[in-house]
Amino acid sequence: MSLDALRYGVEVLRYYITDRKQFGTTEEERERGVAQAVRRASLAGIDMCCVREKDLSTGSLERLASKLMKGLEPAMRLLIHGSPQVALAVGAAGVHLSSSRDELSAADVRSLWMKSSKTAPLIVVSCHSKQDLDWAHSNGADFAVFGPVFEKDGVANPQGLEYLRSACRGCPIPVLALGGVNEHNAALCSEAGASGIAGIRMFQS
């Protein structure tokens, strides 16, 4: 899967974002459940997976990510949410960042990463507006996750397909649709210009 191919609409990128809390009440159940889900996604050919477990300590996140790395097929790339240090420690492909201007930017992560690795990181940024997309691109993000596109539990005021279409139009980096995306509406996101789809439940259930 090449990002150049994504830009020209040749392929659709599928990006699984983890939420281990959906798998039980004990940490053992949760870790076992998410490890099995990541393994299934990898075997099914899902392109990328983001370990997004923001409640974990750095040490716990590193242990979980190391476990998940062992179950990956070679084609799947693992990213760590918010922690280039953990990503480097476990040999992940890159990092998923927020678009907050008060946190690490893609440029910050790339600079830090290249001091410790000969392989460039893959960097994705969560975006919620055209301004976020411009900022992500200007700081060197490889692609963006944009949303929420559709209504879903706990999410108000979705952006909608027309705003997704407008955001994708002219954006120099691939944009993935996030938020309420499922097997019934994923094609609509592609038609609106998204280079791929991202989500939790559609890949985890």
N, C-alpha and C. Protein backbone atom coordinates (compact mmCIF):
# COMPACT_ATOMS: atom_id res chain seq x y z
N MET A 1 0.85 -1.19 0.00
CA MET A 1 0.00 0.00 0.00
C MET A 1 0.88 1.23 0.00
N SER A 2 0.82 2.04 -1.08
CA SER A 2 1.62 3.25 -1.14
C SER A 2 0.73 4.47 -0.97
N LEU A 3 1.26 5.50 -0.32
CA LEU A 3 0.48 6.72 -0.15
C LEU A 3 0.27 7.41 -1.48
N ASP A 4 1.21 7.25 -2.43
CA ASP A 4 1.01 7.82 -3.76
C ASP A 4 -0.22 7.21 -4.41
N ALA A 5 -0.39 5.91 -4.25
CA ALA A 5 -1.57 5.25 -4.82
C ALA A 5 -2.83 5.80 -4.19
N LEU A 6 -2.79 6.10 -2.89
CA LEU A 6 -3.96 6.66 -2.23
C LEU A 6 -4.34 8.01 -2.80
N ARG A 7 -3.36 8.83 -3.10
CA ARG A 7 -3.64 10.17 -3.60
C ARG A 7 -4.41 10.13 -4.92
N TYR A 8 -4.16 9.11 -5.70
CA TYR A 8 -4.81 9.05 -7.00
C TYR A 8 -5.98 8.08 -7.03
N GLY A 9 -6.43 7.69 -5.85
CA GLY A 9 -7.66 6.92 -5.76
C GLY A 9 -7.55 5.49 -6.23
N VAL A 10 -6.33 4.96 -6.33
CA VAL A 10 -6.16 3.60 -6.82
C VAL A 10 -6.58 2.59 -5.76
N GLU A 11 -6.34 2.90 -4.51
CA GLU A 11 -6.66 1.99 -3.43
C GLU A 11 -7.40 2.75 -2.33
N VAL A 12 -8.09 2.00 -1.49
CA VAL A 12 -8.78 2.58 -0.35
C VAL A 12 -8.10 2.09 0.91
N LEU A 13 -7.59 3.00 1.70
CA LEU A 13 -6.89 2.66 2.93
C LEU A 13 -7.90 2.37 4.03
N ARG A 14 -7.67 1.29 4.77
CA ARG A 14 -8.52 0.92 5.90
C ARG A 14 -7.69 1.00 7.18
N TYR A 15 -8.19 1.78 8.12
CA TYR A 15 -7.41 2.15 9.30
C TYR A 15 -8.22 1.82 10.55
N TYR A 16 -7.77 0.82 11.28
CA TYR A 16 -8.43 0.35 12.50
C TYR A 16 -7.84 1.07 13.71
N ILE A 17 -8.71 1.66 14.53
CA ILE A 17 -8.30 2.35 15.75
C ILE A 17 -8.80 1.53 16.95
N THR A 18 -7.91 1.18 17.85
CA THR A 18 -8.29 0.26 18.93
C THR A 18 -9.03 0.95 20.07
N ASP A 19 -9.85 0.14 20.76
CA ASP A 19 -10.47 0.53 22.02
C ASP A 19 -10.65 -0.74 22.84
N ARG A 20 -9.66 -1.06 23.64
CA ARG A 20 -9.68 -2.32 24.36
C ARG A 20 -10.80 -2.40 25.38
N LYS A 21 -11.37 -1.25 25.80
CA LYS A 21 -12.42 -1.25 26.81
C LYS A 21 -13.71 -1.89 26.32
N GLN A 22 -13.82 -2.12 25.03
CA GLN A 22 -15.00 -2.80 24.50
C GLN A 22 -14.96 -4.31 24.75
N PHE A 23 -13.86 -4.82 25.27
CA PHE A 23 -13.67 -6.27 25.35
C PHE A 23 -13.80 -6.87 26.74
N GLY A 24 -14.29 -6.13 27.71
CA GLY A 24 -14.46 -6.73 29.03
C GLY A 24 -14.25 -5.72 30.13
N THR A 25 -14.26 -6.23 31.35
CA THR A 25 -14.14 -5.35 32.52
C THR A 25 -12.77 -5.43 33.18
N THR A 26 -12.09 -6.56 33.00
CA THR A 26 -10.75 -6.68 33.58
C THR A 26 -9.70 -6.36 32.53
N GLU A 27 -8.54 -5.95 32.98
CA GLU A 27 -7.47 -5.61 32.04
C GLU A 27 -7.02 -6.84 31.26
N GLU A 28 -7.05 -7.99 31.89
CA GLU A 28 -6.67 -9.22 31.18
C GLU A 28 -7.63 -9.50 30.02
N GLU A 29 -8.93 -9.35 30.27
CA GLU A 29 -9.92 -9.56 29.21
C GLU A 29 -9.74 -8.54 28.09
N ARG A 30 -9.49 -7.32 28.46
CA ARG A 30 -9.36 -6.26 27.46
C ARG A 30 -8.14 -6.47 26.58
N GLU A 31 -7.02 -6.79 27.20
CA GLU A 31 -5.80 -7.00 26.42
C GLU A 31 -5.92 -8.21 25.50
N ARG A 32 -6.53 -9.27 26.02
CA ARG A 32 -6.72 -10.46 25.20
C ARG A 32 -7.66 -10.15 24.03
N GLY A 33 -8.73 -9.43 24.31
CA GLY A 33 -9.70 -9.10 23.27
C GLY A 33 -9.12 -8.23 22.18
N VAL A 34 -8.38 -7.20 22.56
CA VAL A 34 -7.83 -6.30 21.54
C VAL A 34 -6.72 -6.99 20.76
N ALA A 35 -5.96 -7.85 21.42
CA ALA A 35 -4.91 -8.59 20.71
C ALA A 35 -5.52 -9.51 19.65
N GLN A 36 -6.63 -10.16 20.00
CA GLN A 36 -7.31 -11.02 19.04
C GLN A 36 -7.90 -10.21 17.90
N ALA A 37 -8.45 -9.04 18.21
CA ALA A 37 -9.05 -8.20 17.17
C ALA A 37 -8.00 -7.67 16.20
N VAL A 38 -6.86 -7.25 16.73
CA VAL A 38 -5.79 -6.76 15.86
C VAL A 38 -5.26 -7.89 14.99
N ARG A 39 -5.14 -9.06 15.55
CA ARG A 39 -4.69 -10.22 14.77
C ARG A 39 -5.67 -10.53 13.64
N ARG A 40 -6.96 -10.53 13.95
CA ARG A 40 -7.98 -10.79 12.92
C ARG A 40 -7.92 -9.74 11.82
N ALA A 41 -7.80 -8.47 12.22
CA ALA A 41 -7.73 -7.39 11.24
C ALA A 41 -6.51 -7.54 10.35
N SER A 42 -5.40 -7.92 10.96
CA SER A 42 -4.17 -8.11 10.19
C SER A 42 -4.33 -9.24 9.18
N LEU A 43 -4.91 -10.35 9.60
CA LEU A 43 -5.13 -11.48 8.71
C LEU A 43 -6.12 -11.14 7.60
N ALA A 44 -7.06 -10.23 7.89
CA ALA A 44 -8.06 -9.83 6.91
C ALA A 44 -7.53 -8.81 5.91
N GLY A 45 -6.30 -8.35 6.12
CA GLY A 45 -5.71 -7.42 5.17
C GLY A 45 -5.95 -5.95 5.47
N ILE A 46 -6.41 -5.64 6.69
CA ILE A 46 -6.56 -4.24 7.07
C ILE A 46 -5.17 -3.60 7.05
N ASP A 47 -5.08 -2.42 6.47
CA ASP A 47 -3.78 -1.83 6.17
C ASP A 47 -3.00 -1.34 7.38
N MET A 48 -3.73 -0.69 8.29
CA MET A 48 -3.04 -0.04 9.40
C MET A 48 -3.87 -0.12 10.66
N CYS A 49 -3.19 -0.04 11.80
CA CYS A 49 -3.87 -0.06 13.09
C CYS A 49 -3.23 0.96 14.01
N CYS A 50 -4.06 1.75 14.66
CA CYS A 50 -3.60 2.72 15.65
C CYS A 50 -3.93 2.21 17.05
N VAL A 51 -2.92 2.11 17.89
CA VAL A 51 -3.13 1.75 19.29
C VAL A 51 -3.49 3.03 20.04
N ARG A 52 -4.79 3.21 20.26
CA ARG A 52 -5.28 4.43 20.90
C ARG A 52 -5.86 4.06 22.27
N GLU A 53 -4.99 3.98 23.24
CA GLU A 53 -5.38 3.60 24.61
C GLU A 53 -4.84 4.66 25.55
N LYS A 54 -5.51 5.81 25.54
CA LYS A 54 -4.96 7.01 26.16
C LYS A 54 -4.93 6.96 27.69
N ASP A 55 -5.65 6.01 28.28
CA ASP A 55 -5.66 5.92 29.74
C ASP A 55 -4.47 5.14 30.29
N LEU A 56 -3.72 4.46 29.43
CA LEU A 56 -2.60 3.65 29.90
C LEU A 56 -1.37 4.49 30.20
N SER A 57 -0.61 4.05 31.18
CA SER A 57 0.69 4.66 31.44
C SER A 57 1.63 4.34 30.29
N THR A 58 2.74 5.05 30.22
CA THR A 58 3.71 4.80 29.15
C THR A 58 4.18 3.35 29.16
N GLY A 59 4.48 2.84 30.34
CA GLY A 59 4.95 1.47 30.45
C GLY A 59 3.90 0.45 30.03
N SER A 60 2.66 0.66 30.45
CA SER A 60 1.58 -0.26 30.08
C SER A 60 1.28 -0.19 28.59
N LEU A 61 1.33 1.01 28.03
CA LEU A 61 1.11 1.17 26.60
C LEU A 61 2.20 0.45 25.81
N GLU A 62 3.43 0.58 26.26
CA GLU A 62 4.54 -0.09 25.58
C GLU A 62 4.39 -1.61 25.64
N ARG A 63 3.98 -2.12 26.79
CA ARG A 63 3.80 -3.58 26.91
C ARG A 63 2.69 -4.08 25.99
N LEU A 64 1.58 -3.34 25.95
CA LEU A 64 0.47 -3.75 25.08
C LEU A 64 0.88 -3.67 23.62
N ALA A 65 1.51 -2.58 23.24
CA ALA A 65 1.92 -2.41 21.84
C ALA A 65 2.90 -3.49 21.41
N SER A 66 3.81 -3.87 22.30
CA SER A 66 4.76 -4.94 22.00
C SER A 66 4.02 -6.25 21.74
N LYS A 67 3.00 -6.51 22.54
CA LYS A 67 2.20 -7.72 22.36
C LYS A 67 1.47 -7.69 21.03
N LEU A 68 0.91 -6.54 20.68
CA LEU A 68 0.17 -6.43 19.42
C LEU A 68 1.09 -6.58 18.22
N MET A 69 2.29 -6.04 18.32
CA MET A 69 3.25 -6.13 17.22
C MET A 69 3.54 -7.59 16.85
N LYS A 70 3.54 -8.46 17.85
CA LYS A 70 3.88 -9.86 17.61
C LYS A 70 2.82 -10.58 16.78
N GLY A 71 1.59 -10.05 16.76
CA GLY A 71 0.51 -10.71 16.04
C GLY A 71 0.26 -10.17 14.65
N LEU A 72 1.08 -9.23 14.20
CA LEU A 72 0.83 -8.57 12.92
C LEU A 72 1.36 -9.37 11.75
N GLU A 73 0.59 -9.38 10.67
CA GLU A 73 1.11 -9.81 9.39
C GLU A 73 2.06 -8.72 8.88
N PRO A 74 3.05 -9.07 8.05
CA PRO A 74 4.04 -8.08 7.60
C PRO A 74 3.44 -6.86 6.92
N ALA A 75 2.29 -7.02 6.27
CA ALA A 75 1.73 -5.90 5.51
C ALA A 75 1.04 -4.86 6.39
N MET A 76 0.65 -5.22 7.59
CA MET A 76 -0.05 -4.26 8.46
C MET A 76 0.95 -3.40 9.20
N ARG A 77 0.67 -2.09 9.22
CA ARG A 77 1.53 -1.16 9.93
C ARG A 77 0.84 -0.67 11.20
N LEU A 78 1.58 -0.67 12.29
CA LEU A 78 1.04 -0.27 13.58
C LEU A 78 1.51 1.14 13.92
N LEU A 79 0.58 1.99 14.36
CA LEU A 79 0.90 3.33 14.83
C LEU A 79 0.50 3.45 16.29
N ILE A 80 1.18 4.31 17.01
CA ILE A 80 0.89 4.55 18.41
C ILE A 80 0.32 5.95 18.56
N HIS A 81 -0.78 6.06 19.28
CA HIS A 81 -1.43 7.36 19.45
C HIS A 81 -0.66 8.20 20.46
N GLY A 82 -0.12 9.32 19.99
CA GLY A 82 0.42 10.34 20.88
C GLY A 82 1.80 10.12 21.46
N SER A 83 2.44 8.99 21.17
CA SER A 83 3.72 8.71 21.83
C SER A 83 4.77 8.21 20.85
N PRO A 84 5.59 9.12 20.31
CA PRO A 84 6.68 8.66 19.46
C PRO A 84 7.69 7.80 20.23
N GLN A 85 7.83 8.05 21.52
CA GLN A 85 8.77 7.27 22.32
C GLN A 85 8.37 5.79 22.36
N VAL A 86 7.09 5.54 22.60
CA VAL A 86 6.61 4.15 22.62
C VAL A 86 6.69 3.55 21.22
N ALA A 87 6.33 4.32 20.22
CA ALA A 87 6.39 3.82 18.84
C ALA A 87 7.80 3.38 18.48
N LEU A 88 8.78 4.18 18.83
CA LEU A 88 10.17 3.82 18.56
C LEU A 88 10.60 2.60 19.36
N ALA A 89 10.17 2.53 20.61
CA ALA A 89 10.59 1.44 21.49
C ALA A 89 10.10 0.08 21.01
N VAL A 90 8.90 0.04 20.41
CA VAL A 90 8.33 -1.25 20.01
C VAL A 90 8.53 -1.54 18.52
N GLY A 91 9.12 -0.60 17.80
CA GLY A 91 9.33 -0.80 16.37
C GLY A 91 8.10 -0.57 15.53
N ALA A 92 7.19 0.30 16.00
CA ALA A 92 5.98 0.62 15.24
C ALA A 92 6.33 1.47 14.02
N ALA A 93 5.38 1.57 13.11
CA ALA A 93 5.62 2.30 11.85
C ALA A 93 5.53 3.81 12.01
N GLY A 94 4.81 4.27 13.05
CA GLY A 94 4.67 5.70 13.19
C GLY A 94 3.75 6.10 14.32
N VAL A 95 3.19 7.30 14.20
CA VAL A 95 2.46 7.93 15.30
C VAL A 95 1.19 8.60 14.78
N HIS A 96 0.14 8.53 15.60
CA HIS A 96 -1.11 9.25 15.33
C HIS A 96 -1.18 10.42 16.31
N LEU A 97 -1.36 11.63 15.77
CA LEU A 97 -1.36 12.85 16.58
C LEU A 97 -2.70 13.55 16.54
N SER A 98 -2.96 14.38 17.54
CA SER A 98 -4.12 15.26 17.50
C SER A 98 -3.75 16.52 16.73
N SER A 99 -4.75 17.33 16.42
CA SER A 99 -4.49 18.59 15.71
C SER A 99 -4.37 19.76 16.67
N SER A 100 -4.27 19.48 17.97
CA SER A 100 -4.09 20.55 18.95
C SER A 100 -2.76 21.25 18.71
N ARG A 101 -2.81 22.56 18.65
CA ARG A 101 -1.58 23.33 18.42
C ARG A 101 -0.69 23.35 19.66
N ASP A 102 -1.23 22.87 20.79
CA ASP A 102 -0.46 22.84 22.04
C ASP A 102 0.30 21.53 22.24
N GLU A 103 0.12 20.59 21.31
CA GLU A 103 0.78 19.29 21.44
C GLU A 103 1.79 19.10 20.32
N LEU A 104 2.45 17.96 20.30
CA LEU A 104 3.46 17.67 19.28
C LEU A 104 2.87 17.77 17.88
N SER A 105 3.62 18.40 16.99
CA SER A 105 3.21 18.46 15.59
C SER A 105 3.91 17.34 14.82
N ALA A 106 3.47 17.14 13.58
CA ALA A 106 4.13 16.14 12.74
C ALA A 106 5.61 16.48 12.55
N ALA A 107 5.91 17.76 12.42
CA ALA A 107 7.31 18.18 12.26
C ALA A 107 8.13 17.86 13.50
N ASP A 108 7.54 18.07 14.68
CA ASP A 108 8.23 17.73 15.93
C ASP A 108 8.55 16.24 15.99
N VAL A 109 7.55 15.43 15.66
CA VAL A 109 7.73 13.98 15.74
C VAL A 109 8.76 13.50 14.73
N ARG A 110 8.71 14.03 13.53
CA ARG A 110 9.65 13.60 12.50
C ARG A 110 11.09 13.92 12.91
N SER A 111 11.29 15.11 13.48
CA SER A 111 12.62 15.50 13.93
C SER A 111 13.12 14.58 15.04
N LEU A 112 12.25 14.31 16.02
CA LEU A 112 12.60 13.43 17.13
C LEU A 112 12.89 12.01 16.62
N TRP A 113 12.06 11.55 15.73
CA TRP A 113 12.15 10.18 15.23
C TRP A 113 13.47 9.93 14.49
N MET A 114 13.84 10.86 13.63
CA MET A 114 15.01 10.65 12.78
C MET A 114 16.32 10.70 13.55
N LYS A 115 16.26 11.13 14.81
CA LYS A 115 17.45 11.08 15.66
C LYS A 115 17.70 9.66 16.17
N SER A 116 16.65 8.82 16.11
CA SER A 116 16.75 7.48 16.68
C SER A 116 16.54 6.37 15.66
N SER A 117 16.10 6.71 14.46
CA SER A 117 15.77 5.69 13.47
C SER A 117 16.22 6.12 12.08
N LYS A 118 16.60 5.15 11.27
CA LYS A 118 16.96 5.43 9.88
C LYS A 118 15.74 5.39 8.97
N THR A 119 14.63 4.89 9.49
CA THR A 119 13.40 4.77 8.72
C THR A 119 12.45 5.90 9.10
N ALA A 120 11.96 6.62 8.12
CA ALA A 120 11.05 7.74 8.39
C ALA A 120 9.73 7.24 8.97
N PRO A 121 9.14 7.99 9.89
CA PRO A 121 7.87 7.57 10.49
C PRO A 121 6.69 7.85 9.57
N LEU A 122 5.63 7.11 9.77
CA LEU A 122 4.35 7.39 9.14
C LEU A 122 3.54 8.20 10.16
N ILE A 123 3.08 9.38 9.78
CA ILE A 123 2.42 10.27 10.73
C ILE A 123 1.03 10.63 10.23
N VAL A 124 0.04 10.37 11.07
CA VAL A 124 -1.35 10.73 10.79
C VAL A 124 -1.80 11.75 11.83
N VAL A 125 -2.65 12.68 11.40
CA VAL A 125 -3.17 13.71 12.30
C VAL A 125 -4.69 13.71 12.25
N SER A 126 -5.33 13.72 13.41
CA SER A 126 -6.78 13.85 13.49
C SER A 126 -7.18 15.29 13.19
N CYS A 127 -8.09 15.48 12.26
CA CYS A 127 -8.51 16.82 11.84
C CYS A 127 -10.03 16.94 11.87
N HIS A 128 -10.49 18.16 12.15
CA HIS A 128 -11.93 18.41 12.25
C HIS A 128 -12.37 19.62 11.43
N SER A 129 -11.45 20.21 10.69
CA SER A 129 -11.76 21.38 9.87
C SER A 129 -10.74 21.49 8.75
N LYS A 130 -11.04 22.35 7.79
CA LYS A 130 -10.08 22.59 6.70
C LYS A 130 -8.81 23.23 7.25
N GLN A 131 -8.96 24.07 8.27
CA GLN A 131 -7.79 24.69 8.88
C GLN A 131 -6.88 23.64 9.51
N ASP A 132 -7.49 22.63 10.15
CA ASP A 132 -6.69 21.53 10.71
C ASP A 132 -5.94 20.79 9.61
N LEU A 133 -6.60 20.56 8.48
CA LEU A 133 -5.96 19.86 7.37
C LEU A 133 -4.78 20.66 6.84
N ASP A 134 -4.97 21.96 6.70
CA ASP A 134 -3.87 22.81 6.23
C ASP A 134 -2.69 22.76 7.19
N TRP A 135 -3.01 22.80 8.49
CA TRP A 135 -1.96 22.77 9.51
C TRP A 135 -1.22 21.44 9.49
N ALA A 136 -1.97 20.35 9.38
CA ALA A 136 -1.36 19.02 9.34
C ALA A 136 -0.42 18.90 8.14
N HIS A 137 -0.89 19.34 6.99
CA HIS A 137 -0.06 19.27 5.78
C HIS A 137 1.18 20.13 5.91
N SER A 138 1.02 21.34 6.42
CA SER A 138 2.16 22.26 6.50
C SER A 138 3.24 21.76 7.46
N ASN A 139 2.85 20.90 8.40
CA ASN A 139 3.80 20.34 9.35
C ASN A 139 4.34 18.97 8.93
N GLY A 140 3.94 18.52 7.75
CA GLY A 140 4.53 17.30 7.22
C GLY A 140 3.82 16.00 7.53
N ALA A 141 2.52 16.07 7.87
CA ALA A 141 1.76 14.83 8.09
C ALA A 141 1.67 14.04 6.78
N ASP A 142 1.65 12.73 6.89
CA ASP A 142 1.52 11.88 5.71
C ASP A 142 0.07 11.76 5.26
N PHE A 143 -0.84 11.74 6.22
CA PHE A 143 -2.26 11.76 5.88
C PHE A 143 -3.05 12.22 7.09
N ALA A 144 -4.35 12.43 6.88
CA ALA A 144 -5.21 12.94 7.94
C ALA A 144 -6.43 12.05 8.11
N VAL A 145 -6.92 11.98 9.33
CA VAL A 145 -8.21 11.35 9.63
C VAL A 145 -9.18 12.49 9.92
N PHE A 146 -10.29 12.53 9.18
CA PHE A 146 -11.20 13.68 9.25
C PHE A 146 -12.59 13.23 9.71
N GLY A 147 -13.14 13.97 10.68
CA GLY A 147 -14.49 13.62 11.13
C GLY A 147 -14.91 14.43 12.34
N PRO A 148 -16.04 14.07 12.93
CA PRO A 148 -16.87 12.92 12.56
C PRO A 148 -17.72 13.22 11.33
N VAL A 149 -17.84 12.24 10.45
CA VAL A 149 -18.61 12.44 9.22
C VAL A 149 -20.09 12.17 9.44
N PHE A 150 -20.42 11.07 10.11
CA PHE A 150 -21.81 10.69 10.33
C PHE A 150 -22.16 10.73 11.81
N GLU A 151 -23.46 10.73 12.10
CA GLU A 151 -23.92 10.68 13.48
C GLU A 151 -23.61 9.32 14.08
N LYS A 152 -23.28 9.33 15.36
CA LYS A 152 -23.11 8.09 16.10
C LYS A 152 -23.30 8.38 17.57
N ASP A 153 -23.40 7.34 18.37
CA ASP A 153 -23.62 7.52 19.80
C ASP A 153 -22.53 8.39 20.42
N GLY A 154 -22.95 9.39 21.16
CA GLY A 154 -22.00 10.23 21.88
C GLY A 154 -21.36 11.32 21.05
N VAL A 155 -21.73 11.43 19.77
CA VAL A 155 -21.14 12.45 18.90
C VAL A 155 -22.24 13.34 18.34
N ALA A 156 -22.15 14.61 18.62
CA ALA A 156 -23.13 15.56 18.11
C ALA A 156 -22.54 16.36 16.96
N ASN A 157 -23.42 16.90 16.12
CA ASN A 157 -23.02 17.78 15.03
C ASN A 157 -21.96 17.18 14.11
N PRO A 158 -22.29 16.07 13.45
CA PRO A 158 -21.33 15.50 12.50
C PRO A 158 -21.06 16.46 11.35
N GLN A 159 -19.90 16.31 10.72
CA GLN A 159 -19.52 17.21 9.63
C GLN A 159 -20.37 16.98 8.38
N GLY A 160 -20.69 15.74 8.10
CA GLY A 160 -21.51 15.42 6.94
C GLY A 160 -20.67 15.20 5.69
N LEU A 161 -21.30 14.56 4.71
CA LEU A 161 -20.60 14.22 3.47
C LEU A 161 -20.17 15.43 2.67
N GLU A 162 -20.98 16.47 2.66
CA GLU A 162 -20.63 17.64 1.85
C GLU A 162 -19.40 18.35 2.40
N TYR A 163 -19.31 18.42 3.72
CA TYR A 163 -18.11 19.04 4.29
C TYR A 163 -16.89 18.16 4.07
N LEU A 164 -17.09 16.84 4.13
CA LEU A 164 -16.00 15.92 3.81
C LEU A 164 -15.55 16.14 2.38
N ARG A 165 -16.50 16.26 1.46
CA ARG A 165 -16.17 16.49 0.06
C ARG A 165 -15.37 17.78 -0.12
N SER A 166 -15.83 18.82 0.56
CA SER A 166 -15.14 20.11 0.48
C SER A 166 -13.74 20.03 1.08
N ALA A 167 -13.61 19.30 2.18
CA ALA A 167 -12.31 19.17 2.85
C ALA A 167 -11.32 18.39 1.99
N CYS A 168 -11.81 17.36 1.32
CA CYS A 168 -10.93 16.53 0.49
C CYS A 168 -10.49 17.25 -0.78
N ARG A 169 -11.36 18.12 -1.27
CA ARG A 169 -11.08 18.80 -2.53
C ARG A 169 -9.83 19.67 -2.40
N GLY A 170 -8.81 19.36 -3.13
CA GLY A 170 -7.60 20.17 -3.14
C GLY A 170 -6.65 19.89 -1.99
N CYS A 171 -7.00 18.97 -1.09
CA CYS A 171 -6.10 18.67 0.03
C CYS A 171 -4.91 17.88 -0.50
N PRO A 172 -3.69 18.32 -0.23
CA PRO A 172 -2.51 17.66 -0.80
C PRO A 172 -2.17 16.30 -0.19
N ILE A 173 -2.75 15.98 0.96
CA ILE A 173 -2.46 14.69 1.60
C ILE A 173 -3.74 13.85 1.63
N PRO A 174 -3.61 12.53 1.67
CA PRO A 174 -4.79 11.67 1.73
C PRO A 174 -5.62 11.96 2.98
N VAL A 175 -6.95 11.91 2.82
CA VAL A 175 -7.88 12.15 3.92
C VAL A 175 -8.72 10.89 4.12
N LEU A 176 -8.77 10.41 5.36
CA LEU A 176 -9.57 9.25 5.71
C LEU A 176 -10.80 9.70 6.49
N ALA A 177 -11.95 9.14 6.17
CA ALA A 177 -13.21 9.49 6.83
C ALA A 177 -13.36 8.71 8.13
N LEU A 178 -13.78 9.41 9.18
CA LEU A 178 -13.94 8.81 10.52
C LEU A 178 -15.26 9.28 11.12
N GLY A 179 -15.89 8.40 11.91
CA GLY A 179 -17.06 8.81 12.66
C GLY A 179 -18.35 8.27 12.07
N GLY A 180 -18.84 7.16 12.60
CA GLY A 180 -20.07 6.58 12.11
C GLY A 180 -19.95 5.88 10.78
N VAL A 181 -18.73 5.67 10.32
CA VAL A 181 -18.53 5.00 9.03
C VAL A 181 -18.75 3.50 9.22
N ASN A 182 -19.50 2.90 8.29
CA ASN A 182 -19.74 1.46 8.34
C ASN A 182 -19.80 0.89 6.93
N GLU A 183 -20.11 -0.40 6.84
CA GLU A 183 -20.10 -1.05 5.53
C GLU A 183 -21.18 -0.50 4.60
N HIS A 184 -22.19 0.17 5.17
CA HIS A 184 -23.28 0.69 4.35
C HIS A 184 -22.98 2.08 3.77
N ASN A 185 -22.14 2.86 4.43
CA ASN A 185 -21.89 4.23 3.95
C ASN A 185 -20.44 4.48 3.57
N ALA A 186 -19.58 3.47 3.68
CA ALA A 186 -18.17 3.67 3.37
C ALA A 186 -17.97 4.12 1.92
N ALA A 187 -18.75 3.55 1.01
CA ALA A 187 -18.61 3.91 -0.40
C ALA A 187 -18.94 5.38 -0.64
N LEU A 188 -19.86 5.93 0.15
CA LEU A 188 -20.22 7.34 0.02
C LEU A 188 -19.04 8.23 0.38
N CYS A 189 -18.25 7.80 1.35
CA CYS A 189 -17.06 8.56 1.73
C CYS A 189 -16.04 8.57 0.60
N SER A 190 -15.88 7.43 -0.03
CA SER A 190 -14.96 7.33 -1.17
C SER A 190 -15.43 8.22 -2.31
N GLU A 191 -16.73 8.20 -2.57
CA GLU A 191 -17.29 9.04 -3.64
C GLU A 191 -17.11 10.52 -3.33
N ALA A 192 -17.06 10.87 -2.04
CA ALA A 192 -16.87 12.26 -1.63
C ALA A 192 -15.42 12.70 -1.70
N GLY A 193 -14.53 11.77 -2.00
CA GLY A 193 -13.12 12.12 -2.16
C GLY A 193 -12.18 11.57 -1.12
N ALA A 194 -12.72 10.87 -0.12
CA ALA A 194 -11.86 10.29 0.91
C ALA A 194 -10.99 9.20 0.32
N SER A 195 -9.74 9.15 0.77
CA SER A 195 -8.81 8.12 0.30
C SER A 195 -8.95 6.82 1.06
N GLY A 196 -9.76 6.85 2.12
CA GLY A 196 -9.94 5.65 2.90
C GLY A 196 -10.90 5.88 4.05
N ILE A 197 -11.02 4.89 4.90
CA ILE A 197 -11.93 4.95 6.04
C ILE A 197 -11.20 4.54 7.31
N ALA A 198 -11.62 5.13 8.42
CA ALA A 198 -11.03 4.83 9.72
C ALA A 198 -12.15 4.59 10.71
N GLY A 199 -11.89 3.77 11.71
CA GLY A 199 -12.92 3.54 12.70
C GLY A 199 -12.50 2.53 13.74
N ILE A 200 -13.38 2.38 14.73
CA ILE A 200 -13.16 1.41 15.79
C ILE A 200 -14.08 0.21 15.59
N ARG A 201 -15.38 0.43 15.72
CA ARG A 201 -16.32 -0.68 15.76
C ARG A 201 -16.38 -1.47 14.46
N MET A 202 -16.28 -0.79 13.33
CA MET A 202 -16.41 -1.52 12.06
C MET A 202 -15.27 -2.50 11.85
N PHE A 203 -14.14 -2.29 12.50
CA PHE A 203 -13.02 -3.22 12.39
C PHE A 203 -12.89 -4.12 13.61
N GLN A 204 -13.44 -3.69 14.73
CA GLN A 204 -13.22 -4.38 15.99
C GLN A 204 -14.32 -5.37 16.33
N SER A 205 -15.52 -5.16 15.80
CA SER A 205 -16.64 -6.05 16.14
C SER A 205 -16.67 -7.27 15.25
